[in-house]
Each structure stands twice: as structure tokens, then as C-alpha cells.
Amino acid sequence: MTLAVADAIMDTSALKLVFGQDDAAIEALLEGDSFEDVIRHGIPVGRDSDTIASMAGAIAPVYYKDIPDELVVQILTYLTDDLRASFTKWQSIVG
């Protein structure tokens, strides 16, 4: 993510200029009030809702700073061993 996009995420008025009014993932970010709520707002949009929710979930930690620990623990239970190992390796790199 570029610095311009990161800056735009922190300024919700700029988001609409950068991404457009009808971008569903950005709309979910603007309507949600927590990481999980952003994803929940992306799901019922219709169209390609799994992609919209995943894009909203990808940008939400930038805005909300973190994913709740209990949610990370739950998500990790759904991953296969090799995916969990990849996640752990990634976390050790990025902190």
C-alpha cells in the first residue's frame, strides 16, 4: 500500500475522492466501527461479497490499527498446518 493510500485511509473525506463513492470495500470501512464490523458491512452488499468483505478486512487493520486477538486465535483454527506456518513466519517478519 502506498503512503498516499495509507494517508487517504486516515482521512475519510479523502477516501471518497481516491476510491470513488461506490467502492463497496471502502464503504464498508466507512460504515463500520471496528475491524469485525467493517467485514460485517462488506458481506451483505451482494455481488462478489466474499471479495468485498476480504478487501474491507485487508484495509481495516490500517484504520483500526489491529485485529482483535480473540479473532486471530479463532481464524487460526480454520487454517491448515502449512497456512498457519506461513502466517507465523509472516508475523515474525512484520512483527
PDB file of N, CA and C in Angstrom:
ATOM      1  N   MET A   1       0.846  -1.165   0.000  1.00  0.00           N
ATOM      2  CA  MET A   1       0.000   0.000   0.000  1.00  0.00           C
ATOM      3  C   MET A   1       0.897   1.235   0.000  1.00  0.00           C
ATOM      4  N   THR A   2       0.587   2.162  -0.854  1.00  0.00           N
ATOM      5  CA  THR A   2       1.393   3.373  -0.930  1.00  0.00           C
ATOM      6  C   THR A   2       1.080   4.295   0.235  1.00  0.00           C
ATOM      7  N   LEU A   3       1.995   5.216   0.481  1.00  0.00           N
ATOM      8  CA  LEU A   3       1.762   6.189   1.548  1.00  0.00           C
ATOM      9  C   LEU A   3       0.533   7.044   1.251  1.00  0.00           C
ATOM     10  N   ALA A   4       0.296   7.354  -0.009  1.00  0.00           N
ATOM     11  CA  ALA A   4      -0.875   8.155  -0.361  1.00  0.00           C
ATOM     12  C   ALA A   4      -2.161   7.437   0.009  1.00  0.00           C
ATOM     13  N   VAL A   5      -2.220   6.132  -0.252  1.00  0.00           N
ATOM     14  CA  VAL A   5      -3.411   5.362   0.098  1.00  0.00           C
ATOM     15  C   VAL A   5      -3.555   5.287   1.612  1.00  0.00           C
ATOM     16  N   ALA A   6      -2.440   5.033   2.311  1.00  0.00           N
ATOM     17  CA  ALA A   6      -2.484   4.972   3.774  1.00  0.00           C
ATOM     18  C   ALA A   6      -2.951   6.304   4.353  1.00  0.00           C
ATOM     19  N   ASP A   7      -2.438   7.411   3.817  1.00  0.00           N
ATOM     20  CA  ASP A   7      -2.883   8.721   4.279  1.00  0.00           C
ATOM     21  C   ASP A   7      -4.368   8.928   4.003  1.00  0.00           C
ATOM     22  N   ALA A   8      -4.816   8.475   2.840  1.00  0.00           N
ATOM     23  CA  ALA A   8      -6.226   8.625   2.491  1.00  0.00           C
ATOM     24  C   ALA A   8      -7.115   7.842   3.434  1.00  0.00           C
ATOM     25  N   ILE A   9      -6.656   6.665   3.848  1.00  0.00           N
ATOM     26  CA  ILE A   9      -7.447   5.846   4.765  1.00  0.00           C
ATOM     27  C   ILE A   9      -7.641   6.555   6.095  1.00  0.00           C
ATOM     28  N   MET A  10      -6.657   7.331   6.498  1.00  0.00           N
ATOM     29  CA  MET A  10      -6.777   8.046   7.756  1.00  0.00           C
ATOM     30  C   MET A  10      -7.672   9.285   7.627  1.00  0.00           C
ATOM     31  N   ASP A  11      -7.935   9.725   6.408  1.00  0.00           N
ATOM     32  CA  ASP A  11      -8.794  10.881   6.155  1.00  0.00           C
ATOM     33  C   ASP A  11     -10.013  10.407   5.372  1.00  0.00           C
ATOM     34  N   THR A  12     -11.104  10.153   6.059  1.00  0.00           N
ATOM     35  CA  THR A  12     -12.261   9.542   5.409  1.00  0.00           C
ATOM     36  C   THR A  12     -12.850  10.412   4.305  1.00  0.00           C
ATOM     37  N   SER A  13     -12.711  11.727   4.368  1.00  0.00           N
ATOM     38  CA  SER A  13     -13.215  12.560   3.271  1.00  0.00           C
ATOM     39  C   SER A  13     -12.386  12.341   2.018  1.00  0.00           C
ATOM     40  N   ALA A  14     -11.092  12.117   2.173  1.00  0.00           N
ATOM     41  CA  ALA A  14     -10.225  11.856   1.028  1.00  0.00           C
ATOM     42  C   ALA A  14     -10.496  10.485   0.437  1.00  0.00           C
ATOM     43  N   LEU A  15     -10.960   9.547   1.245  1.00  0.00           N
ATOM     44  CA  LEU A  15     -11.261   8.204   0.733  1.00  0.00           C
ATOM     45  C   LEU A  15     -12.233   8.249  -0.423  1.00  0.00           C
ATOM     46  N   LYS A  16     -13.256   9.048  -0.279  1.00  0.00           N
ATOM     47  CA  LYS A  16     -14.264   9.115  -1.331  1.00  0.00           C
ATOM     48  C   LYS A  16     -13.683   9.697  -2.609  1.00  0.00           C
ATOM     49  N   LEU A  17     -12.724  10.605  -2.492  1.00  0.00           N
ATOM     50  CA  LEU A  17     -12.094  11.165  -3.681  1.00  0.00           C
ATOM     51  C   LEU A  17     -11.145  10.167  -4.328  1.00  0.00           C
ATOM     52  N   VAL A  18     -10.394   9.437  -3.514  1.00  0.00           N
ATOM     53  CA  VAL A  18      -9.401   8.500  -4.028  1.00  0.00           C
ATOM     54  C   VAL A  18     -10.058   7.273  -4.631  1.00  0.00           C
ATOM     55  N   PHE A  19     -11.041   6.689  -3.964  1.00  0.00           N
ATOM     56  CA  PHE A  19     -11.618   5.414  -4.374  1.00  0.00           C
ATOM     57  C   PHE A  19     -12.977   5.539  -5.050  1.00  0.00           C
ATOM     58  N   GLY A  20     -13.616   6.665  -4.951  1.00  0.00           N
ATOM     59  CA  GLY A  20     -14.943   6.803  -5.548  1.00  0.00           C
ATOM     60  C   GLY A  20     -16.032   6.470  -4.542  1.00  0.00           C
ATOM     61  N   GLN A  21     -17.202   6.995  -4.794  1.00  0.00           N
ATOM     62  CA  GLN A  21     -18.316   6.844  -3.864  1.00  0.00           C
ATOM     63  C   GLN A  21     -18.818   5.417  -3.754  1.00  0.00           C
ATOM     64  N   ASP A  22     -18.770   4.631  -4.848  1.00  0.00           N
ATOM     65  CA  ASP A  22     -19.445   3.350  -4.818  1.00  0.00           C
ATOM     66  C   ASP A  22     -18.511   2.156  -4.643  1.00  0.00           C
ATOM     67  N   ASP A  23     -17.323   2.360  -4.164  1.00  0.00           N
ATOM     68  CA  ASP A  23     -16.451   1.233  -3.877  1.00  0.00           C
ATOM     69  C   ASP A  23     -16.939   0.574  -2.588  1.00  0.00           C
ATOM     70  N   ALA A  24     -17.427  -0.644  -2.705  1.00  0.00           N
ATOM     71  CA  ALA A  24     -18.092  -1.315  -1.586  1.00  0.00           C
ATOM     72  C   ALA A  24     -17.158  -1.578  -0.415  1.00  0.00           C
ATOM     73  N   ALA A  25     -15.898  -1.911  -0.663  1.00  0.00           N
ATOM     74  CA  ALA A  25     -14.965  -2.183   0.437  1.00  0.00           C
ATOM     75  C   ALA A  25     -14.681  -0.915   1.239  1.00  0.00           C
ATOM     76  N   ILE A  26     -14.506   0.188   0.552  1.00  0.00           N
ATOM     77  CA  ILE A  26     -14.277   1.466   1.245  1.00  0.00           C
ATOM     78  C   ILE A  26     -15.543   1.888   1.983  1.00  0.00           C
ATOM     79  N   GLU A  27     -16.675   1.666   1.368  1.00  0.00           N
ATOM     80  CA  GLU A  27     -17.941   1.985   2.034  1.00  0.00           C
ATOM     81  C   GLU A  27     -18.094   1.179   3.323  1.00  0.00           C
ATOM     82  N   ALA A  28     -17.715  -0.100   3.282  1.00  0.00           N
ATOM     83  CA  ALA A  28     -17.779  -0.931   4.487  1.00  0.00           C
ATOM     84  C   ALA A  28     -16.848  -0.380   5.559  1.00  0.00           C
ATOM     85  N   LEU A  29     -15.660   0.081   5.149  1.00  0.00           N
ATOM     86  CA  LEU A  29     -14.721   0.667   6.103  1.00  0.00           C
ATOM     87  C   LEU A  29     -15.317   1.909   6.752  1.00  0.00           C
ATOM     88  N   LEU A  30     -15.941   2.742   5.948  1.00  0.00           N
ATOM     89  CA  LEU A  30     -16.502   3.985   6.474  1.00  0.00           C
ATOM     90  C   LEU A  30     -17.716   3.746   7.366  1.00  0.00           C
ATOM     91  N   GLU A  31     -18.479   2.690   7.085  1.00  0.00           N
ATOM     92  CA  GLU A  31     -19.688   2.411   7.864  1.00  0.00           C
ATOM     93  C   GLU A  31     -19.403   1.624   9.137  1.00  0.00           C
ATOM     94  N   GLY A  32     -18.333   0.839   9.149  1.00  0.00           N
ATOM     95  CA  GLY A  32     -18.024   0.022  10.313  1.00  0.00           C
ATOM     96  C   GLY A  32     -17.437   0.833  11.448  1.00  0.00           C
ATOM     97  N   ASP A  33     -17.538   0.293  12.652  1.00  0.00           N
ATOM     98  CA  ASP A  33     -16.940   0.990  13.792  1.00  0.00           C
ATOM     99  C   ASP A  33     -15.920   0.121  14.529  1.00  0.00           C
ATOM    100  N   SER A  34     -15.546  -1.009  13.912  1.00  0.00           N
ATOM    101  CA  SER A  34     -14.488  -1.878  14.440  1.00  0.00           C
ATOM    102  C   SER A  34     -14.020  -2.766  13.295  1.00  0.00           C
ATOM    103  N   PHE A  35     -12.925  -3.474  13.496  1.00  0.00           N
ATOM    104  CA  PHE A  35     -12.416  -4.376  12.465  1.00  0.00           C
ATOM    105  C   PHE A  35     -13.493  -5.366  12.025  1.00  0.00           C
ATOM    106  N   GLU A  36     -14.090  -6.044  12.995  1.00  0.00           N
ATOM    107  CA  GLU A  36     -15.104  -7.048  12.683  1.00  0.00           C
ATOM    108  C   GLU A  36     -16.341  -6.420  12.040  1.00  0.00           C
ATOM    109  N   ASP A  37     -16.725  -5.252  12.488  1.00  0.00           N
ATOM    110  CA  ASP A  37     -17.897  -4.583  11.946  1.00  0.00           C
ATOM    111  C   ASP A  37     -17.690  -4.183  10.482  1.00  0.00           C
ATOM    112  N   VAL A  38     -16.469  -3.804  10.135  1.00  0.00           N
ATOM    113  CA  VAL A  38     -16.161  -3.472   8.743  1.00  0.00           C
ATOM    114  C   VAL A  38     -16.405  -4.684   7.847  1.00  0.00           C
ATOM    115  N   ILE A  39     -15.944  -5.848   8.268  1.00  0.00           N
ATOM    116  CA  ILE A  39     -16.148  -7.066   7.491  1.00  0.00           C
ATOM    117  C   ILE A  39     -17.648  -7.375   7.398  1.00  0.00           C
ATOM    118  N   ARG A  40     -18.354  -7.239   8.509  1.00  0.00           N
ATOM    119  CA  ARG A  40     -19.802  -7.493   8.505  1.00  0.00           C
ATOM    120  C   ARG A  40     -20.540  -6.554   7.546  1.00  0.00           C
ATOM    121  N   HIS A  41     -20.064  -5.325   7.416  1.00  0.00           N
ATOM    122  CA  HIS A  41     -20.694  -4.384   6.479  1.00  0.00           C
ATOM    123  C   HIS A  41     -20.390  -4.751   5.024  1.00  0.00           C
ATOM    124  N   GLY A  42     -19.291  -5.441   4.784  1.00  0.00           N
ATOM    125  CA  GLY A  42     -18.945  -5.835   3.424  1.00  0.00           C
ATOM    126  C   GLY A  42     -19.691  -7.051   2.931  1.00  0.00           C
ATOM    127  N   ILE A  43     -20.179  -7.879   3.817  1.00  0.00           N
ATOM    128  CA  ILE A  43     -20.808  -9.150   3.428  1.00  0.00           C
ATOM    129  C   ILE A  43     -22.165  -8.974   2.739  1.00  0.00           C
ATOM    130  N   PRO A  44     -23.095  -8.192   3.270  1.00  0.00           N
ATOM    131  CA  PRO A  44     -24.437  -8.172   2.670  1.00  0.00           C
ATOM    132  C   PRO A  44     -24.573  -7.305   1.418  1.00  0.00           C
ATOM    133  N   VAL A  45     -23.478  -6.771   0.928  1.00  0.00           N
ATOM    134  CA  VAL A  45     -23.542  -5.878  -0.223  1.00  0.00           C
ATOM    135  C   VAL A  45     -24.082  -6.585  -1.457  1.00  0.00           C
ATOM    136  N   GLY A  46     -23.838  -7.879  -1.538  1.00  0.00           N
ATOM    137  CA  GLY A  46     -24.226  -8.622  -2.734  1.00  0.00           C
ATOM    138  C   GLY A  46     -23.053  -8.680  -3.685  1.00  0.00           C
ATOM    139  N   ARG A  47     -23.339  -8.896  -4.946  1.00  0.00           N
ATOM    140  CA  ARG A  47     -22.297  -9.022  -5.965  1.00  0.00           C
ATOM    141  C   ARG A  47     -21.281 -10.059  -5.510  1.00  0.00           C
ATOM    142  N   ASP A  48     -20.029  -9.678  -5.420  1.00  0.00           N
ATOM    143  CA  ASP A  48     -18.950 -10.588  -5.030  1.00  0.00           C
ATOM    144  C   ASP A  48     -18.621 -10.336  -3.557  1.00  0.00           C
ATOM    145  N   SER A  49     -19.556 -10.676  -2.670  1.00  0.00           N
ATOM    146  CA  SER A  49     -19.460 -10.260  -1.267  1.00  0.00           C
ATOM    147  C   SER A  49     -18.257 -10.836  -0.538  1.00  0.00           C
ATOM    148  N   ASP A  50     -17.800 -12.052  -0.894  1.00  0.00           N
ATOM    149  CA  ASP A  50     -16.630 -12.583  -0.202  1.00  0.00           C
ATOM    150  C   ASP A  50     -15.389 -11.766  -0.533  1.00  0.00           C
ATOM    151  N   THR A  51     -15.278 -11.320  -1.776  1.00  0.00           N
ATOM    152  CA  THR A  51     -14.142 -10.482  -2.161  1.00  0.00           C
ATOM    153  C   THR A  51     -14.243  -9.111  -1.513  1.00  0.00           C
ATOM    154  N   ILE A  52     -15.432  -8.532  -1.510  1.00  0.00           N
ATOM    155  CA  ILE A  52     -15.635  -7.221  -0.899  1.00  0.00           C
ATOM    156  C   ILE A  52     -15.298  -7.274   0.588  1.00  0.00           C
ATOM    157  N   ALA A  53     -15.796  -8.296   1.277  1.00  0.00           N
ATOM    158  CA  ALA A  53     -15.514  -8.425   2.707  1.00  0.00           C
ATOM    159  C   ALA A  53     -14.027  -8.648   2.956  1.00  0.00           C
ATOM    160  N   SER A  54     -13.360  -9.429   2.101  1.00  0.00           N
ATOM    161  CA  SER A  54     -11.927  -9.667   2.310  1.00  0.00           C
ATOM    162  C   SER A  54     -11.110  -8.409   2.022  1.00  0.00           C
ATOM    163  N   MET A  55     -11.514  -7.620   1.016  1.00  0.00           N
ATOM    164  CA  MET A  55     -10.808  -6.356   0.765  1.00  0.00           C
ATOM    165  C   MET A  55     -11.027  -5.381   1.921  1.00  0.00           C
ATOM    166  N   ALA A  56     -12.245  -5.334   2.423  1.00  0.00           N
ATOM    167  CA  ALA A  56     -12.529  -4.469   3.572  1.00  0.00           C
ATOM    168  C   ALA A  56     -11.701  -4.925   4.776  1.00  0.00           C
ATOM    169  N   GLY A  57     -11.626  -6.244   4.976  1.00  0.00           N
ATOM    170  CA  GLY A  57     -10.820  -6.784   6.076  1.00  0.00           C
ATOM    171  C   GLY A  57      -9.337  -6.525   5.901  1.00  0.00           C
ATOM    172  N   ALA A  58      -8.881  -6.431   4.658  1.00  0.00           N
ATOM    173  CA  ALA A  58      -7.464  -6.161   4.406  1.00  0.00           C
ATOM    174  C   ALA A  58      -7.090  -4.719   4.721  1.00  0.00           C
ATOM    175  N   ILE A  59      -8.019  -3.801   4.503  1.00  0.00           N
ATOM    176  CA  ILE A  59      -7.701  -2.396   4.774  1.00  0.00           C
ATOM    177  C   ILE A  59      -8.098  -1.951   6.180  1.00  0.00           C
ATOM    178  N   ALA A  60      -8.991  -2.671   6.822  1.00  0.00           N
ATOM    179  CA  ALA A  60      -9.458  -2.275   8.160  1.00  0.00           C
ATOM    180  C   ALA A  60      -8.341  -2.202   9.204  1.00  0.00           C
ATOM    181  N   PRO A  61      -7.360  -3.133   9.219  1.00  0.00           N
ATOM    182  CA  PRO A  61      -6.315  -3.016  10.247  1.00  0.00           C
ATOM    183  C   PRO A  61      -5.480  -1.738  10.128  1.00  0.00           C
ATOM    184  N   VAL A  62      -5.384  -1.176   8.930  1.00  0.00           N
ATOM    185  CA  VAL A  62      -4.660   0.088   8.768  1.00  0.00           C
ATOM    186  C   VAL A  62      -5.403   1.194   9.506  1.00  0.00           C
ATOM    187  N   TYR A  63      -6.706   1.164   9.417  1.00  0.00           N
ATOM    188  CA  TYR A  63      -7.529   2.190  10.050  1.00  0.00           C
ATOM    189  C   TYR A  63      -7.698   1.938  11.551  1.00  0.00           C
ATOM    190  N   TYR A  64      -7.966   0.688  11.914  1.00  0.00           N
ATOM    191  CA  TYR A  64      -8.229   0.358  13.314  1.00  0.00           C
ATOM    192  C   TYR A  64      -6.999  -0.113  14.062  1.00  0.00           C
ATOM    193  N   LYS A  65      -5.867  -0.158  13.385  1.00  0.00           N
ATOM    194  CA  LYS A  65      -4.545  -0.455  13.949  1.00  0.00           C
ATOM    195  C   LYS A  65      -4.281  -1.917  14.287  1.00  0.00           C
ATOM    196  N   ASP A  66      -5.281  -2.713  14.518  1.00  0.00           N
ATOM    197  CA  ASP A  66      -5.024  -4.084  14.938  1.00  0.00           C
ATOM    198  C   ASP A  66      -6.271  -4.941  14.751  1.00  0.00           C
ATOM    199  N   ILE A  67      -6.028  -6.233  14.631  1.00  0.00           N
ATOM    200  CA  ILE A  67      -7.112  -7.203  14.595  1.00  0.00           C
ATOM    201  C   ILE A  67      -7.240  -7.754  16.019  1.00  0.00           C
ATOM    202  N   PRO A  68      -8.432  -7.826  16.591  1.00  0.00           N
ATOM    203  CA  PRO A  68      -8.575  -8.332  17.959  1.00  0.00           C
ATOM    204  C   PRO A  68      -7.951  -9.730  18.118  1.00  0.00           C
ATOM    205  N   ASP A  69      -7.207  -9.932  19.194  1.00  0.00           N
ATOM    206  CA  ASP A  69      -6.511 -11.197  19.432  1.00  0.00           C
ATOM    207  C   ASP A  69      -7.446 -12.401  19.398  1.00  0.00           C
ATOM    208  N   GLU A  70      -8.629 -12.274  20.005  1.00  0.00           N
ATOM    209  CA  GLU A  70      -9.544 -13.415  20.038  1.00  0.00           C
ATOM    210  C   GLU A  70     -10.012 -13.807  18.628  1.00  0.00           C
ATOM    211  N   LEU A  71     -10.094 -12.820  17.740  1.00  0.00           N
ATOM    212  CA  LEU A  71     -10.473 -13.109  16.360  1.00  0.00           C
ATOM    213  C   LEU A  71      -9.326 -13.810  15.623  1.00  0.00           C
ATOM    214  N   VAL A  72      -8.101 -13.369  15.855  1.00  0.00           N
ATOM    215  CA  VAL A  72      -6.932 -14.025  15.245  1.00  0.00           C
ATOM    216  C   VAL A  72      -6.847 -15.474  15.697  1.00  0.00           C
ATOM    217  N   VAL A  73      -7.030 -15.727  16.974  1.00  0.00           N
ATOM    218  CA  VAL A  73      -6.986 -17.097  17.501  1.00  0.00           C
ATOM    219  C   VAL A  73      -8.046 -17.963  16.820  1.00  0.00           C
ATOM    220  N   GLN A  74      -9.253 -17.429  16.680  1.00  0.00           N
ATOM    221  CA  GLN A  74     -10.331 -18.176  16.032  1.00  0.00           C
ATOM    222  C   GLN A  74     -10.014 -18.445  14.563  1.00  0.00           C
ATOM    223  N   ILE A  75      -9.523 -17.439  13.862  1.00  0.00           N
ATOM    224  CA  ILE A  75      -9.180 -17.594  12.443  1.00  0.00           C
ATOM    225  C   ILE A  75      -8.095 -18.654  12.258  1.00  0.00           C
ATOM    226  N   LEU A  76      -7.109 -18.659  13.137  1.00  0.00           N
ATOM    227  CA  LEU A  76      -6.015 -19.636  13.027  1.00  0.00           C
ATOM    228  C   LEU A  76      -6.508 -21.070  13.143  1.00  0.00           C
ATOM    229  N   THR A  77      -7.618 -21.285  13.842  1.00  0.00           N
ATOM    230  CA  THR A  77      -8.136 -22.655  13.955  1.00  0.00           C
ATOM    231  C   THR A  77      -8.679 -23.176  12.628  1.00  0.00           C
ATOM    232  N   TYR A  78      -9.010 -22.271  11.714  1.00  0.00           N
ATOM    233  CA  TYR A  78      -9.546 -22.674  10.411  1.00  0.00           C
ATOM    234  C   TYR A  78      -8.451 -23.001   9.394  1.00  0.00           C
ATOM    235  N   LEU A  79      -7.214 -22.584   9.671  1.00  0.00           N
ATOM    236  CA  LEU A  79      -6.128 -22.767   8.712  1.00  0.00           C
ATOM    237  C   LEU A  79      -5.523 -24.165   8.792  1.00  0.00           C
ATOM    238  N   THR A  80      -5.041 -24.633   7.652  1.00  0.00           N
ATOM    239  CA  THR A  80      -4.275 -25.879   7.639  1.00  0.00           C
ATOM    240  C   THR A  80      -2.913 -25.610   8.266  1.00  0.00           C
ATOM    241  N   ASP A  81      -2.202 -26.675   8.600  1.00  0.00           N
ATOM    242  CA  ASP A  81      -0.895 -26.512   9.243  1.00  0.00           C
ATOM    243  C   ASP A  81       0.069 -25.687   8.400  1.00  0.00           C
ATOM    244  N   ASP A  82       0.091 -25.931   7.080  1.00  0.00           N
ATOM    245  CA  ASP A  82       1.026 -25.186   6.239  1.00  0.00           C
ATOM    246  C   ASP A  82       0.646 -23.702   6.152  1.00  0.00           C
ATOM    247  N   LEU A  83      -0.639 -23.387   6.098  1.00  0.00           N
ATOM    248  CA  LEU A  83      -1.048 -21.988   6.088  1.00  0.00           C
ATOM    249  C   LEU A  83      -0.780 -21.314   7.428  1.00  0.00           C
ATOM    250  N   ARG A  84      -0.996 -22.038   8.502  1.00  0.00           N
ATOM    251  CA  ARG A  84      -0.697 -21.499   9.834  1.00  0.00           C
ATOM    252  C   ARG A  84       0.797 -21.218   9.964  1.00  0.00           C
ATOM    253  N   ALA A  85       1.647 -22.104   9.420  1.00  0.00           N
ATOM    254  CA  ALA A  85       3.096 -21.903   9.450  1.00  0.00           C
ATOM    255  C   ALA A  85       3.486 -20.662   8.637  1.00  0.00           C
ATOM    256  N   SER A  86       2.832 -20.474   7.489  1.00  0.00           N
ATOM    257  CA  SER A  86       3.102 -19.285   6.673  1.00  0.00           C
ATOM    258  C   SER A  86       2.706 -18.017   7.426  1.00  0.00           C
ATOM    259  N   PHE A  87       1.562 -18.061   8.088  1.00  0.00           N
ATOM    260  CA  PHE A  87       1.114 -16.907   8.875  1.00  0.00           C
ATOM    261  C   PHE A  87       2.113 -16.604   9.988  1.00  0.00           C
ATOM    262  N   THR A  88       2.547 -17.624  10.691  1.00  0.00           N
ATOM    263  CA  THR A  88       3.509 -17.435  11.785  1.00  0.00           C
ATOM    264  C   THR A  88       4.815 -16.842  11.271  1.00  0.00           C
ATOM    265  N   LYS A  89       5.271 -17.336  10.133  1.00  0.00           N
ATOM    266  CA  LYS A  89       6.503 -16.811   9.538  1.00  0.00           C
ATOM    267  C   LYS A  89       6.324 -15.347   9.162  1.00  0.00           C
ATOM    268  N   TRP A  90       5.183 -15.031   8.548  1.00  0.00           N
ATOM    269  CA  TRP A  90       4.895 -13.647   8.171  1.00  0.00           C
ATOM    270  C   TRP A  90       4.858 -12.734   9.402  1.00  0.00           C
ATOM    271  N   GLN A  91       4.212 -13.189  10.462  1.00  0.00           N
ATOM    272  CA  GLN A  91       4.151 -12.390  11.691  1.00  0.00           C
ATOM    273  C   GLN A  91       5.533 -12.145  12.281  1.00  0.00           C
ATOM    274  N   SER A  92       6.422 -13.135  12.177  1.00  0.00           N
ATOM    275  CA  SER A  92       7.776 -12.948  12.708  1.00  0.00           C
ATOM    276  C   SER A  92       8.555 -11.920  11.896  1.00  0.00           C
ATOM    277  N   ILE A  93       8.186 -11.767  10.630  1.00  0.00           N
ATOM    278  CA  ILE A  93       8.863 -10.786   9.774  1.00  0.00           C
ATOM    279  C   ILE A  93       8.342  -9.375  10.014  1.00  0.00           C
ATOM    280  N   VAL A  94       7.024  -9.250  10.054  1.00  0.00           N
ATOM    281  CA  VAL A  94       6.427  -7.917  10.171  1.00  0.00           C
ATOM    282  C   VAL A  94       6.147  -7.480  11.607  1.00  0.00           C
ATOM    283  N   GLY A  95       6.204  -8.414  12.513  1.00  0.00           N
ATOM    284  CA  GLY A  95       6.002  -8.071  13.907  1.00  0.00           C
ATOM    285  C   GLY A  95       4.627  -8.176  14.331  1.00  0.00           C
TER     286      GLY A  95
END
